[in-house]
């Protein structure tokens, strides 16, 4: 298992949200994952799903990160059910690195629903 702390980067916005030191509208949480509303939504329902443990990007994840990444995807399913889109459908995306559009250096999944693109 990784020796990284649960919310390991004091400069990371998402680590601060996970630790309760930055505001966010939390919509789901469990022992490994937190989901909250995106402050710049790109769809009527737009949540960000993040692991509690700091992982910078899919580009830098390690083998011991696989389980928590899977937990993020399971959280997406639960967010879908909670928002009424579980059977109707939604998108889950992840941006990797600066050229992939990642703006916050903490791996996160975008849950988007309510409008077709």
PDB file of N, CA and C in Angstrom:
ATOM      1  N   UNK A   1       0.838  -1.182   0.000  1.00  0.00           N
ATOM      2  CA  UNK A   1       0.000   0.000   0.000  1.00  0.00           C
ATOM      3  C   UNK A   1       0.879   1.241   0.000  1.00  0.00           C
ATOM      4  N   UNK A   2       0.387   2.298  -0.593  1.00  0.00           N
ATOM      5  CA  UNK A   2       1.147   3.535  -0.698  1.00  0.00           C
ATOM      6  C   UNK A   2       1.361   4.165   0.673  1.00  0.00           C
ATOM      7  N   UNK A   3       2.500   4.846   0.829  1.00  0.00           N
ATOM      8  CA  UNK A   3       2.763   5.540   2.091  1.00  0.00           C
ATOM      9  C   UNK A   3       2.273   6.983   2.050  1.00  0.00           C
ATOM     10  N   UNK A   4       1.541   7.351   1.006  1.00  0.00           N
ATOM     11  CA  UNK A   4       0.976   8.694   0.924  1.00  0.00           C
ATOM     12  C   UNK A   4      -0.142   8.847   1.945  1.00  0.00           C
ATOM     13  N   UNK A   5      -0.223   9.982   2.623  1.00  0.00           N
ATOM     14  CA  UNK A   5      -1.293  10.194   3.592  1.00  0.00           C
ATOM     15  C   UNK A   5      -2.641  10.364   2.892  1.00  0.00           C
ATOM     16  N   UNK A   6      -3.772  10.226   3.627  1.00  0.00           N
ATOM     17  CA  UNK A   6      -5.098  10.322   3.020  1.00  0.00           C
ATOM     18  C   UNK A   6      -5.318  11.612   2.237  1.00  0.00           C
ATOM     19  N   UNK A   7      -4.967  12.737   2.775  1.00  0.00           N
ATOM     20  CA  UNK A   7      -5.089  14.009   2.063  1.00  0.00           C
ATOM     21  C   UNK A   7      -3.717  14.645   2.147  1.00  0.00           C
ATOM     22  N   UNK A   8      -2.823  14.216   1.246  1.00  0.00           N
ATOM     23  CA  UNK A   8      -1.414  14.428   1.446  1.00  0.00           C
ATOM     24  C   UNK A   8      -0.783  15.684   0.930  1.00  0.00           C
ATOM     25  N   UNK A   9      -1.490  16.577   0.299  1.00  0.00           N
ATOM     26  CA  UNK A   9      -0.837  17.737  -0.283  1.00  0.00           C
ATOM     27  C   UNK A   9      -1.537  18.997   0.216  1.00  0.00           C
ATOM     28  N   UNK A  10      -0.897  19.725   1.109  1.00  0.00           N
ATOM     29  CA  UNK A  10      -1.501  20.923   1.710  1.00  0.00           C
ATOM     30  C   UNK A  10      -1.826  21.984   0.671  1.00  0.00           C
ATOM     31  N   UNK A  11      -1.134  21.968  -0.470  1.00  0.00           N
ATOM     32  CA  UNK A  11      -1.388  22.944  -1.523  1.00  0.00           C
ATOM     33  C   UNK A  11      -2.472  22.495  -2.498  1.00  0.00           C
ATOM     34  N   UNK A  12      -2.967  21.283  -2.346  1.00  0.00           N
ATOM     35  CA  UNK A  12      -3.941  20.723  -3.280  1.00  0.00           C
ATOM     36  C   UNK A  12      -5.361  21.100  -2.857  1.00  0.00           C
ATOM     37  N   UNK A  13      -6.083  21.767  -3.746  1.00  0.00           N
ATOM     38  CA  UNK A  13      -7.456  22.171  -3.455  1.00  0.00           C
ATOM     39  C   UNK A  13      -8.319  20.974  -3.083  1.00  0.00           C
ATOM     40  N   UNK A  14      -8.210  19.884  -3.828  1.00  0.00           N
ATOM     41  CA  UNK A  14      -9.074  18.740  -3.552  1.00  0.00           C
ATOM     42  C   UNK A  14      -8.704  18.063  -2.234  1.00  0.00           C
ATOM     43  N   UNK A  15      -7.430  18.054  -1.868  1.00  0.00           N
ATOM     44  CA  UNK A  15      -7.047  17.538  -0.548  1.00  0.00           C
ATOM     45  C   UNK A  15      -7.657  18.394   0.553  1.00  0.00           C
ATOM     46  N   UNK A  16      -7.698  19.707   0.338  1.00  0.00           N
ATOM     47  CA  UNK A  16      -8.307  20.594   1.336  1.00  0.00           C
ATOM     48  C   UNK A  16      -9.813  20.352   1.437  1.00  0.00           C
ATOM     49  N   UNK A  17     -10.472  20.128   0.299  1.00  0.00           N
ATOM     50  CA  UNK A  17     -11.908  19.814   0.323  1.00  0.00           C
ATOM     51  C   UNK A  17     -12.146  18.513   1.080  1.00  0.00           C
ATOM     52  N   UNK A  18     -11.371  17.479   0.761  1.00  0.00           N
ATOM     53  CA  UNK A  18     -11.504  16.177   1.426  1.00  0.00           C
ATOM     54  C   UNK A  18     -11.326  16.319   2.937  1.00  0.00           C
ATOM     55  N   UNK A  19     -10.392  17.163   3.349  1.00  0.00           N
ATOM     56  CA  UNK A  19     -10.104  17.356   4.776  1.00  0.00           C
ATOM     57  C   UNK A  19     -11.074  18.327   5.453  1.00  0.00           C
ATOM     58  N   UNK A  20     -11.990  18.928   4.681  1.00  0.00           N
ATOM     59  CA  UNK A  20     -12.942  19.874   5.249  1.00  0.00           C
ATOM     60  C   UNK A  20     -12.369  21.258   5.462  1.00  0.00           C
ATOM     61  N   UNK A  21     -11.238  21.550   4.815  1.00  0.00           N
ATOM     62  CA  UNK A  21     -10.589  22.857   4.977  1.00  0.00           C
ATOM     63  C   UNK A  21     -10.865  23.810   3.816  1.00  0.00           C
ATOM     64  N   UNK A  22     -11.672  23.393   2.859  1.00  0.00           N
ATOM     65  CA  UNK A  22     -12.095  24.255   1.758  1.00  0.00           C
ATOM     66  C   UNK A  22     -13.561  23.928   1.487  1.00  0.00           C
ATOM     67  N   UNK A  23     -14.349  24.932   1.108  1.00  0.00           N
ATOM     68  CA  UNK A  23     -15.780  24.692   0.924  1.00  0.00           C
ATOM     69  C   UNK A  23     -16.076  23.871  -0.328  1.00  0.00           C
ATOM     70  N   UNK A  24     -17.091  23.047  -0.222  1.00  0.00           N
ATOM     71  CA  UNK A  24     -17.608  22.284  -1.359  1.00  0.00           C
ATOM     72  C   UNK A  24     -18.967  21.739  -0.965  1.00  0.00           C
ATOM     73  N   UNK A  25     -19.823  21.557  -1.952  1.00  0.00           N
ATOM     74  CA  UNK A  25     -21.125  20.943  -1.706  1.00  0.00           C
ATOM     75  C   UNK A  25     -20.978  19.439  -1.920  1.00  0.00           C
ATOM     76  N   UNK A  26     -20.741  18.726  -0.830  1.00  0.00           N
ATOM     77  CA  UNK A  26     -20.505  17.285  -0.876  1.00  0.00           C
ATOM     78  C   UNK A  26     -21.819  16.579  -1.210  1.00  0.00           C
ATOM     79  N   UNK A  27     -21.771  15.677  -2.191  1.00  0.00           N
ATOM     80  CA  UNK A  27     -22.967  14.939  -2.596  1.00  0.00           C
ATOM     81  C   UNK A  27     -22.868  13.452  -2.288  1.00  0.00           C
ATOM     82  N   UNK A  28     -21.661  12.967  -2.048  1.00  0.00           N
ATOM     83  CA  UNK A  28     -21.454  11.553  -1.714  1.00  0.00           C
ATOM     84  C   UNK A  28     -20.099  11.445  -1.034  1.00  0.00           C
ATOM     85  N   UNK A  29     -20.014  10.553  -0.055  1.00  0.00           N
ATOM     86  CA  UNK A  29     -18.704  10.242   0.505  1.00  0.00           C
ATOM     87  C   UNK A  29     -18.737   8.886   1.175  1.00  0.00           C
ATOM     88  N   UNK A  30     -17.591   8.237   1.151  1.00  0.00           N
ATOM     89  CA  UNK A  30     -17.382   7.007   1.900  1.00  0.00           C
ATOM     90  C   UNK A  30     -15.959   7.054   2.438  1.00  0.00           C
ATOM     91  N   UNK A  31     -15.441   5.946   2.897  1.00  0.00           N
ATOM     92  CA  UNK A  31     -14.119   5.961   3.518  1.00  0.00           C
ATOM     93  C   UNK A  31     -12.980   6.199   2.537  1.00  0.00           C
ATOM     94  N   UNK A  32     -13.229   6.062   1.233  1.00  0.00           N
ATOM     95  CA  UNK A  32     -12.157   6.198   0.240  1.00  0.00           C
ATOM     96  C   UNK A  32     -12.362   7.333  -0.750  1.00  0.00           C
ATOM     97  N   UNK A  33     -13.597   7.806  -0.900  1.00  0.00           N
ATOM     98  CA  UNK A  33     -13.961   8.684  -2.011  1.00  0.00           C
ATOM     99  C   UNK A  33     -14.876   9.810  -1.524  1.00  0.00           C
ATOM    100  N   UNK A  34     -14.762  10.967  -2.165  1.00  0.00           N
ATOM    101  CA  UNK A  34     -15.665  12.097  -1.924  1.00  0.00           C
ATOM    102  C   UNK A  34     -16.138  12.617  -3.281  1.00  0.00           C
ATOM    103  N   UNK A  35     -17.427  12.941  -3.376  1.00  0.00           N
ATOM    104  CA  UNK A  35     -17.973  13.565  -4.585  1.00  0.00           C
ATOM    105  C   UNK A  35     -18.591  14.899  -4.188  1.00  0.00           C
ATOM    106  N   UNK A  36     -18.405  15.887  -5.053  1.00  0.00           N
ATOM    107  CA  UNK A  36     -18.944  17.216  -4.775  1.00  0.00           C
ATOM    108  C   UNK A  36     -19.280  17.903  -6.082  1.00  0.00           C
ATOM    109  N   UNK A  37     -20.138  18.923  -5.997  1.00  0.00           N
ATOM    110  CA  UNK A  37     -20.560  19.650  -7.190  1.00  0.00           C
ATOM    111  C   UNK A  37     -19.400  20.455  -7.763  1.00  0.00           C
ATOM    112  N   UNK A  38     -19.283  20.426  -9.079  1.00  0.00           N
ATOM    113  CA  UNK A  38     -18.288  21.235  -9.775  1.00  0.00           C
ATOM    114  C   UNK A  38     -18.739  22.691  -9.721  1.00  0.00           C
ATOM    115  N   UNK A  39     -17.833  23.603  -9.411  1.00  0.00           N
ATOM    116  CA  UNK A  39     -18.222  25.017  -9.317  1.00  0.00           C
ATOM    117  C   UNK A  39     -18.358  25.677 -10.685  1.00  0.00           C
ATOM    118  N   UNK A  40     -17.897  25.005 -11.742  1.00  0.00           N
ATOM    119  CA  UNK A  40     -18.062  25.486 -13.113  1.00  0.00           C
ATOM    120  C   UNK A  40     -18.714  24.379 -13.940  1.00  0.00           C
ATOM    121  N   UNK A  41     -19.993  24.075 -13.682  1.00  0.00           N
ATOM    122  CA  UNK A  41     -20.618  22.916 -14.321  1.00  0.00           C
ATOM    123  C   UNK A  41     -20.700  23.033 -15.838  1.00  0.00           C
ATOM    124  N   UNK A  42     -20.456  21.909 -16.486  1.00  0.00           N
ATOM    125  CA  UNK A  42     -20.545  21.808 -17.940  1.00  0.00           C
ATOM    126  C   UNK A  42     -21.802  21.061 -18.364  1.00  0.00           C
ATOM    127  N   UNK A  43     -22.625  20.670 -17.406  1.00  0.00           N
ATOM    128  CA  UNK A  43     -23.888  19.974 -17.651  1.00  0.00           C
ATOM    129  C   UNK A  43     -24.808  20.289 -16.473  1.00  0.00           C
ATOM    130  N   UNK A  44     -26.111  20.076 -16.625  1.00  0.00           N
ATOM    131  CA  UNK A  44     -27.019  20.340 -15.512  1.00  0.00           C
ATOM    132  C   UNK A  44     -26.631  19.622 -14.215  1.00  0.00           C
ATOM    133  N   UNK A  45     -26.104  18.423 -14.315  1.00  0.00           N
ATOM    134  CA  UNK A  45     -25.569  17.707 -13.157  1.00  0.00           C
ATOM    135  C   UNK A  45     -24.096  17.457 -13.441  1.00  0.00           C
ATOM    136  N   UNK A  46     -23.219  18.065 -12.653  1.00  0.00           N
ATOM    137  CA  UNK A  46     -21.769  17.921 -12.858  1.00  0.00           C
ATOM    138  C   UNK A  46     -21.115  17.807 -11.490  1.00  0.00           C
ATOM    139  N   UNK A  47     -20.683  16.606 -11.174  1.00  0.00           N
ATOM    140  CA  UNK A  47     -19.994  16.336  -9.914  1.00  0.00           C
ATOM    141  C   UNK A  47     -18.549  15.954 -10.208  1.00  0.00           C
ATOM    142  N   UNK A  48     -17.693  16.174  -9.235  1.00  0.00           N
ATOM    143  CA  UNK A  48     -16.317  15.689  -9.288  1.00  0.00           C
ATOM    144  C   UNK A  48     -16.183  14.595  -8.240  1.00  0.00           C
ATOM    145  N   UNK A  49     -15.586  13.494  -8.629  1.00  0.00           N
ATOM    146  CA  UNK A  49     -15.394  12.351  -7.737  1.00  0.00           C
ATOM    147  C   UNK A  49     -13.901  12.185  -7.538  1.00  0.00           C
ATOM    148  N   UNK A  50     -13.452  12.267  -6.285  1.00  0.00           N
ATOM    149  CA  UNK A  50     -12.015  12.244  -5.990  1.00  0.00           C
ATOM    150  C   UNK A  50     -11.700  11.208  -4.917  1.00  0.00           C
ATOM    151  N   UNK A  51     -10.542  10.574  -5.016  1.00  0.00           N
ATOM    152  CA  UNK A  51     -10.113   9.719  -3.908  1.00  0.00           C
ATOM    153  C   UNK A  51      -9.678  10.596  -2.735  1.00  0.00           C
ATOM    154  N   UNK A  52      -9.905  10.123  -1.530  1.00  0.00           N
ATOM    155  CA  UNK A  52      -9.444  10.862  -0.351  1.00  0.00           C
ATOM    156  C   UNK A  52      -7.920  10.945  -0.335  1.00  0.00           C
ATOM    157  N   UNK A  53      -7.266   9.892  -0.759  1.00  0.00           N
ATOM    158  CA  UNK A  53      -5.800   9.865  -0.801  1.00  0.00           C
ATOM    159  C   UNK A  53      -5.329  10.645  -2.032  1.00  0.00           C
ATOM    160  N   UNK A  54      -4.325  11.458  -1.860  1.00  0.00           N
ATOM    161  CA  UNK A  54      -3.808  12.253  -2.974  1.00  0.00           C
ATOM    162  C   UNK A  54      -3.112  11.366  -4.001  1.00  0.00           C
ATOM    163  N   UNK A  55      -3.629  11.414  -5.214  1.00  0.00           N
ATOM    164  CA  UNK A  55      -3.003  10.805  -6.388  1.00  0.00           C
ATOM    165  C   UNK A  55      -2.992  11.921  -7.418  1.00  0.00           C
ATOM    166  N   UNK A  56      -1.835  12.299  -7.890  1.00  0.00           N
ATOM    167  CA  UNK A  56      -1.733  13.463  -8.759  1.00  0.00           C
ATOM    168  C   UNK A  56      -2.481  13.338 -10.070  1.00  0.00           C
ATOM    169  N   UNK A  57      -2.400  12.179 -10.702  1.00  0.00           N
ATOM    170  CA  UNK A  57      -2.981  11.994 -12.029  1.00  0.00           C
ATOM    171  C   UNK A  57      -2.995  10.510 -12.358  1.00  0.00           C
ATOM    172  N   UNK A  58      -3.812  10.137 -13.296  1.00  0.00           N
ATOM    173  CA  UNK A  58      -3.745   8.773 -13.834  1.00  0.00           C
ATOM    174  C   UNK A  58      -2.337   8.526 -14.377  1.00  0.00           C
ATOM    175  N   UNK A  59      -1.698   9.580 -14.870  1.00  0.00           N
ATOM    176  CA  UNK A  59      -0.347   9.453 -15.438  1.00  0.00           C
ATOM    177  C   UNK A  59       0.688   9.038 -14.401  1.00  0.00           C
ATOM    178  N   UNK A  60       0.434   9.325 -13.130  1.00  0.00           N
ATOM    179  CA  UNK A  60       1.412   9.018 -12.080  1.00  0.00           C
ATOM    180  C   UNK A  60       0.915   7.965 -11.094  1.00  0.00           C
ATOM    181  N   UNK A  61      -0.253   7.387 -11.361  1.00  0.00           N
ATOM    182  CA  UNK A  61      -0.778   6.401 -10.417  1.00  0.00           C
ATOM    183  C   UNK A  61       0.089   5.150 -10.402  1.00  0.00           C
ATOM    184  N   UNK A  62       0.017   4.444  -9.285  1.00  0.00           N
ATOM    185  CA  UNK A  62       0.797   3.231  -9.088  1.00  0.00           C
ATOM    186  C   UNK A  62      -0.152   2.047  -8.927  1.00  0.00           C
ATOM    187  N   UNK A  63       0.394   0.850  -8.919  1.00  0.00           N
ATOM    188  CA  UNK A  63      -0.429  -0.357  -8.815  1.00  0.00           C
ATOM    189  C   UNK A  63      -1.315  -0.342  -7.575  1.00  0.00           C
ATOM    190  N   UNK A  64      -0.823   0.207  -6.474  1.00  0.00           N
ATOM    191  CA  UNK A  64      -1.639   0.208  -5.256  1.00  0.00           C
ATOM    192  C   UNK A  64      -2.742   1.266  -5.276  1.00  0.00           C
ATOM    193  N   UNK A  65      -2.836   2.045  -6.352  1.00  0.00           N
ATOM    194  CA  UNK A  65      -3.905   3.023  -6.504  1.00  0.00           C
ATOM    195  C   UNK A  65      -5.122   2.442  -7.221  1.00  0.00           C
ATOM    196  N   UNK A  66      -4.978   1.263  -7.805  1.00  0.00           N
ATOM    197  CA  UNK A  66      -6.037   0.694  -8.636  1.00  0.00           C
ATOM    198  C   UNK A  66      -7.337   0.513  -7.850  1.00  0.00           C
ATOM    199  N   UNK A  67      -7.253   0.037  -6.624  1.00  0.00           N
ATOM    200  CA  UNK A  67      -8.473  -0.197  -5.851  1.00  0.00           C
ATOM    201  C   UNK A  67      -9.246   1.097  -5.618  1.00  0.00           C
ATOM    202  N   UNK A  68      -8.576   2.161  -5.231  1.00  0.00           N
ATOM    203  CA  UNK A  68      -9.292   3.411  -4.956  1.00  0.00           C
ATOM    204  C   UNK A  68      -9.832   4.030  -6.249  1.00  0.00           C
ATOM    205  N   UNK A  69      -9.158   3.827  -7.359  1.00  0.00           N
ATOM    206  CA  UNK A  69      -9.689   4.305  -8.639  1.00  0.00           C
ATOM    207  C   UNK A  69     -10.978   3.548  -8.961  1.00  0.00           C
ATOM    208  N   UNK A  70     -10.985   2.257  -8.700  1.00  0.00           N
ATOM    209  CA  UNK A  70     -12.213   1.480  -8.865  1.00  0.00           C
ATOM    210  C   UNK A  70     -13.325   1.969  -7.953  1.00  0.00           C
ATOM    211  N   UNK A  71     -12.964   2.355  -6.743  1.00  0.00           N
ATOM    212  CA  UNK A  71     -13.955   2.894  -5.807  1.00  0.00           C
ATOM    213  C   UNK A  71     -14.545   4.207  -6.338  1.00  0.00           C
ATOM    214  N   UNK A  72     -13.744   4.987  -7.046  1.00  0.00           N
ATOM    215  CA  UNK A  72     -14.262   6.214  -7.665  1.00  0.00           C
ATOM    216  C   UNK A  72     -15.334   5.876  -8.697  1.00  0.00           C
ATOM    217  N   UNK A  73     -15.093   4.837  -9.479  1.00  0.00           N
ATOM    218  CA  UNK A  73     -16.076   4.444 -10.489  1.00  0.00           C
ATOM    219  C   UNK A  73     -17.346   3.898  -9.842  1.00  0.00           C
ATOM    220  N   UNK A  74     -17.210   3.165  -8.768  1.00  0.00           N
ATOM    221  CA  UNK A  74     -18.384   2.697  -8.034  1.00  0.00           C
ATOM    222  C   UNK A  74     -19.148   3.889  -7.449  1.00  0.00           C
ATOM    223  N   UNK A  75     -18.433   4.891  -6.983  1.00  0.00           N
ATOM    224  CA  UNK A  75     -19.081   6.108  -6.485  1.00  0.00           C
ATOM    225  C   UNK A  75     -19.856   6.793  -7.602  1.00  0.00           C
ATOM    226  N   UNK A  76     -19.328   6.775  -8.828  1.00  0.00           N
ATOM    227  CA  UNK A  76     -20.047   7.364  -9.962  1.00  0.00           C
ATOM    228  C   UNK A  76     -21.389   6.662 -10.150  1.00  0.00           C
ATOM    229  N   UNK A  77     -21.391   5.357 -10.026  1.00  0.00           N
ATOM    230  CA  UNK A  77     -22.652   4.616 -10.129  1.00  0.00           C
ATOM    231  C   UNK A  77     -23.620   5.076  -9.041  1.00  0.00           C
ATOM    232  N   UNK A  78     -23.131   5.236  -7.832  1.00  0.00           N
ATOM    233  CA  UNK A  78     -23.995   5.657  -6.723  1.00  0.00           C
ATOM    234  C   UNK A  78     -24.497   7.085  -6.916  1.00  0.00           C
ATOM    235  N   UNK A  79     -23.649   7.964  -7.433  1.00  0.00           N
ATOM    236  CA  UNK A  79     -24.080   9.331  -7.737  1.00  0.00           C
ATOM    237  C   UNK A  79     -25.160   9.290  -8.814  1.00  0.00           C
ATOM    238  N   UNK A  80     -24.974   8.444  -9.822  1.00  0.00           N
ATOM    239  CA  UNK A  80     -25.987   8.290 -10.870  1.00  0.00           C
ATOM    240  C   UNK A  80     -27.330   7.868 -10.301  1.00  0.00           C
ATOM    241  N   UNK A  81     -27.306   6.901  -9.417  1.00  0.00           N
ATOM    242  CA  UNK A  81     -28.548   6.440  -8.787  1.00  0.00           C
ATOM    243  C   UNK A  81     -29.177   7.553  -7.950  1.00  0.00           C
ATOM    244  N   UNK A  82     -28.368   8.266  -7.191  1.00  0.00           N
ATOM    245  CA  UNK A  82     -28.874   9.315  -6.297  1.00  0.00           C
ATOM    246  C   UNK A  82     -29.454  10.503  -7.056  1.00  0.00           C
ATOM    247  N   UNK A  83     -28.948  10.761  -8.256  1.00  0.00           N
ATOM    248  CA  UNK A  83     -29.416  11.906  -9.041  1.00  0.00           C
ATOM    249  C   UNK A  83     -30.526  11.537 -10.019  1.00  0.00           C
ATOM    250  N   UNK A  84     -30.915  10.266 -10.051  1.00  0.00           N
ATOM    251  CA  UNK A  84     -31.977   9.839 -10.951  1.00  0.00           C
ATOM    252  C   UNK A  84     -31.513   9.515 -12.356  1.00  0.00           C
ATOM    253  N   UNK A  85     -30.216   9.468 -12.569  1.00  0.00           N
ATOM    254  CA  UNK A  85     -29.687   9.161 -13.897  1.00  0.00           C
ATOM    255  C   UNK A  85     -29.119   7.751 -13.998  1.00  0.00           C
ATOM    256  N   UNK A  86     -29.300   6.953 -12.956  1.00  0.00           N
ATOM    257  CA  UNK A  86     -28.708   5.626 -12.921  1.00  0.00           C
ATOM    258  C   UNK A  86     -29.065   4.758 -14.105  1.00  0.00           C
ATOM    259  N   UNK A  87     -30.314   4.797 -14.532  1.00  0.00           N
ATOM    260  CA  UNK A  87     -30.737   3.993 -15.677  1.00  0.00           C
ATOM    261  C   UNK A  87     -30.821   4.816 -16.948  1.00  0.00           C
ATOM    262  N   UNK A  88     -30.920   6.126 -16.824  1.00  0.00           N
ATOM    263  CA  UNK A  88     -31.046   6.994 -17.996  1.00  0.00           C
ATOM    264  C   UNK A  88     -29.711   7.213 -18.678  1.00  0.00           C
ATOM    265  N   UNK A  89     -28.639   7.213 -17.896  1.00  0.00           N
ATOM    266  CA  UNK A  89     -27.309   7.370 -18.471  1.00  0.00           C
ATOM    267  C   UNK A  89     -26.638   8.673 -18.089  1.00  0.00           C
ATOM    268  N   UNK A  90     -25.328   8.648 -18.166  1.00  0.00           N
ATOM    269  CA  UNK A  90     -24.482   9.776 -17.797  1.00  0.00           C
ATOM    270  C   UNK A  90     -23.095   9.523 -18.364  1.00  0.00           C
ATOM    271  N   UNK A  91     -22.227  10.523 -18.247  1.00  0.00           N
ATOM    272  CA  UNK A  91     -20.839  10.378 -18.692  1.00  0.00           C
ATOM    273  C   UNK A  91     -19.916  10.467 -17.496  1.00  0.00           C
ATOM    274  N   UNK A  92     -18.859   9.686 -17.519  1.00  0.00           N
ATOM    275  CA  UNK A  92     -17.794   9.764 -16.525  1.00  0.00           C
ATOM    276  C   UNK A  92     -16.506   9.927 -17.311  1.00  0.00           C
ATOM    277  N   UNK A  93     -15.803  11.027 -17.051  1.00  0.00           N
ATOM    278  CA  UNK A  93     -14.566  11.291 -17.783  1.00  0.00           C
ATOM    279  C   UNK A  93     -13.449  11.629 -16.808  1.00  0.00           C
ATOM    280  N   UNK A  94     -12.234  11.435 -17.272  1.00  0.00           N
ATOM    281  CA  UNK A  94     -11.058  11.821 -16.490  1.00  0.00           C
ATOM    282  C   UNK A  94     -10.072  12.481 -17.447  1.00  0.00           C
ATOM    283  N   UNK A  95      -9.579  13.640 -17.063  1.00  0.00           N
ATOM    284  CA  UNK A  95      -8.563  14.345 -17.841  1.00  0.00           C
ATOM    285  C   UNK A  95      -7.204  14.033 -17.233  1.00  0.00           C
ATOM    286  N   UNK A  96      -6.234  13.750 -18.080  1.00  0.00           N
ATOM    287  CA  UNK A  96      -4.909  13.321 -17.611  1.00  0.00           C
ATOM    288  C   UNK A  96      -3.835  14.289 -18.080  1.00  0.00           C
ATOM    289  N   UNK A  97      -3.242  14.999 -17.141  1.00  0.00           N
ATOM    290  CA  UNK A  97      -2.137  15.898 -17.453  1.00  0.00           C
ATOM    291  C   UNK A  97      -2.583  17.184 -18.115  1.00  0.00           C
ATOM    292  N   UNK A  98      -1.682  18.153 -18.195  1.00  0.00           N
ATOM    293  CA  UNK A  98      -2.014  19.475 -18.736  1.00  0.00           C
ATOM    294  C   UNK A  98      -2.558  19.437 -20.166  1.00  0.00           C
ATOM    295  N   UNK A  99      -1.960  18.634 -21.025  1.00  0.00           N
ATOM    296  CA  UNK A  99      -2.433  18.584 -22.408  1.00  0.00           C
ATOM    297  C   UNK A  99      -3.730  17.802 -22.542  1.00  0.00           C
ATOM    298  N   UNK A 100      -4.082  17.044 -21.515  1.00  0.00           N
ATOM    299  CA  UNK A 100      -5.349  16.325 -21.494  1.00  0.00           C
ATOM    300  C   UNK A 100      -6.460  17.119 -20.828  1.00  0.00           C
ATOM    301  N   UNK A 101      -6.152  18.348 -20.412  1.00  0.00           N
ATOM    302  CA  UNK A 101      -7.163  19.213 -19.821  1.00  0.00           C
ATOM    303  C   UNK A 101      -7.273  19.144 -18.310  1.00  0.00           C
ATOM    304  N   UNK A 102      -6.374  18.413 -17.639  1.00  0.00           N
ATOM    305  CA  UNK A 102      -6.425  18.334 -16.175  1.00  0.00           C
ATOM    306  C   UNK A 102      -5.975  19.662 -15.584  1.00  0.00           C
ATOM    307  N   UNK A 103      -6.841  20.288 -14.775  1.00  0.00           N
ATOM    308  CA  UNK A 103      -6.539  21.594 -14.203  1.00  0.00           C
ATOM    309  C   UNK A 103      -6.168  21.547 -12.728  1.00  0.00           C
ATOM    310  N   UNK A 104      -6.559  20.488 -12.033  1.00  0.00           N
ATOM    311  CA  UNK A 104      -6.209  20.321 -10.621  1.00  0.00           C
ATOM    312  C   UNK A 104      -5.377  19.051 -10.508  1.00  0.00           C
ATOM    313  N   UNK A 105      -4.234  19.148  -9.856  1.00  0.00           N
ATOM    314  CA  UNK A 105      -3.308  18.023  -9.756  1.00  0.00           C
ATOM    315  C   UNK A 105      -3.688  17.006  -8.700  1.00  0.00           C
ATOM    316  N   UNK A 106      -4.908  16.528  -8.763  1.00  0.00           N
ATOM    317  CA  UNK A 106      -5.418  15.456  -7.894  1.00  0.00           C
ATOM    318  C   UNK A 106      -6.397  14.702  -8.782  1.00  0.00           C
ATOM    319  N   UNK A 107      -6.133  13.429  -9.029  1.00  0.00           N
ATOM    320  CA  UNK A 107      -6.975  12.688  -9.962  1.00  0.00           C
ATOM    321  C   UNK A 107      -8.446  12.848  -9.576  1.00  0.00           C
ATOM    322  N   UNK A 108      -9.286  13.072 -10.579  1.00  0.00           N
ATOM    323  CA  UNK A 108     -10.712  13.242 -10.336  1.00  0.00           C
ATOM    324  C   UNK A 108     -11.494  12.841 -11.574  1.00  0.00           C
ATOM    325  N   UNK A 109     -12.677  12.350 -11.319  1.00  0.00           N
ATOM    326  CA  UNK A 109     -13.584  11.926 -12.376  1.00  0.00           C
ATOM    327  C   UNK A 109     -14.722  12.932 -12.458  1.00  0.00           C
ATOM    328  N   UNK A 110     -15.057  13.324 -13.670  1.00  0.00           N
ATOM    329  CA  UNK A 110     -16.201  14.199 -13.897  1.00  0.00           C
ATOM    330  C   UNK A 110     -17.425  13.320 -14.136  1.00  0.00           C
ATOM    331  N   UNK A 111     -18.469  13.543 -13.372  1.00  0.00           N
ATOM    332  CA  UNK A 111     -19.762  12.899 -13.573  1.00  0.00           C
ATOM    333  C   UNK A 111     -20.660  13.958 -14.188  1.00  0.00           C
ATOM    334  N   UNK A 112     -21.133  13.721 -15.422  1.00  0.00           N
ATOM    335  CA  UNK A 112     -21.952  14.704 -16.130  1.00  0.00           C
ATOM    336  C   UNK A 112     -23.247  14.043 -16.588  1.00  0.00           C
ATOM    337  N   UNK A 113     -24.363  14.726 -16.346  1.00  0.00           N
ATOM    338  CA  UNK A 113     -25.656  14.168 -16.734  1.00  0.00           C
ATOM    339  C   UNK A 113     -26.646  15.293 -16.994  1.00  0.00           C
ATOM    340  N   UNK A 114     -27.702  14.943 -17.698  1.00  0.00           N
ATOM    341  CA  UNK A 114     -28.790  15.886 -17.900  1.00  0.00           C
ATOM    342  C   UNK A 114     -28.824  16.552 -19.252  1.00  0.00           C
ATOM    343  N   UNK A 115     -27.851  16.276 -20.077  1.00  0.00           N
ATOM    344  CA  UNK A 115     -27.845  16.875 -21.410  1.00  0.00           C
ATOM    345  C   UNK A 115     -26.958  16.030 -22.308  1.00  0.00           C
ATOM    346  N   UNK A 116     -27.421  15.796 -23.510  1.00  0.00           N
ATOM    347  CA  UNK A 116     -26.585  15.080 -24.479  1.00  0.00           C
ATOM    348  C   UNK A 116     -25.659  16.060 -25.153  1.00  0.00           C
ATOM    349  N   UNK A 117     -24.472  15.605 -25.490  1.00  0.00           N
ATOM    350  CA  UNK A 117     -23.510  16.447 -26.210  1.00  0.00           C
ATOM    351  C   UNK A 117     -23.508  16.069 -27.651  1.00  0.00           C
TER     352      UNK A 117
END
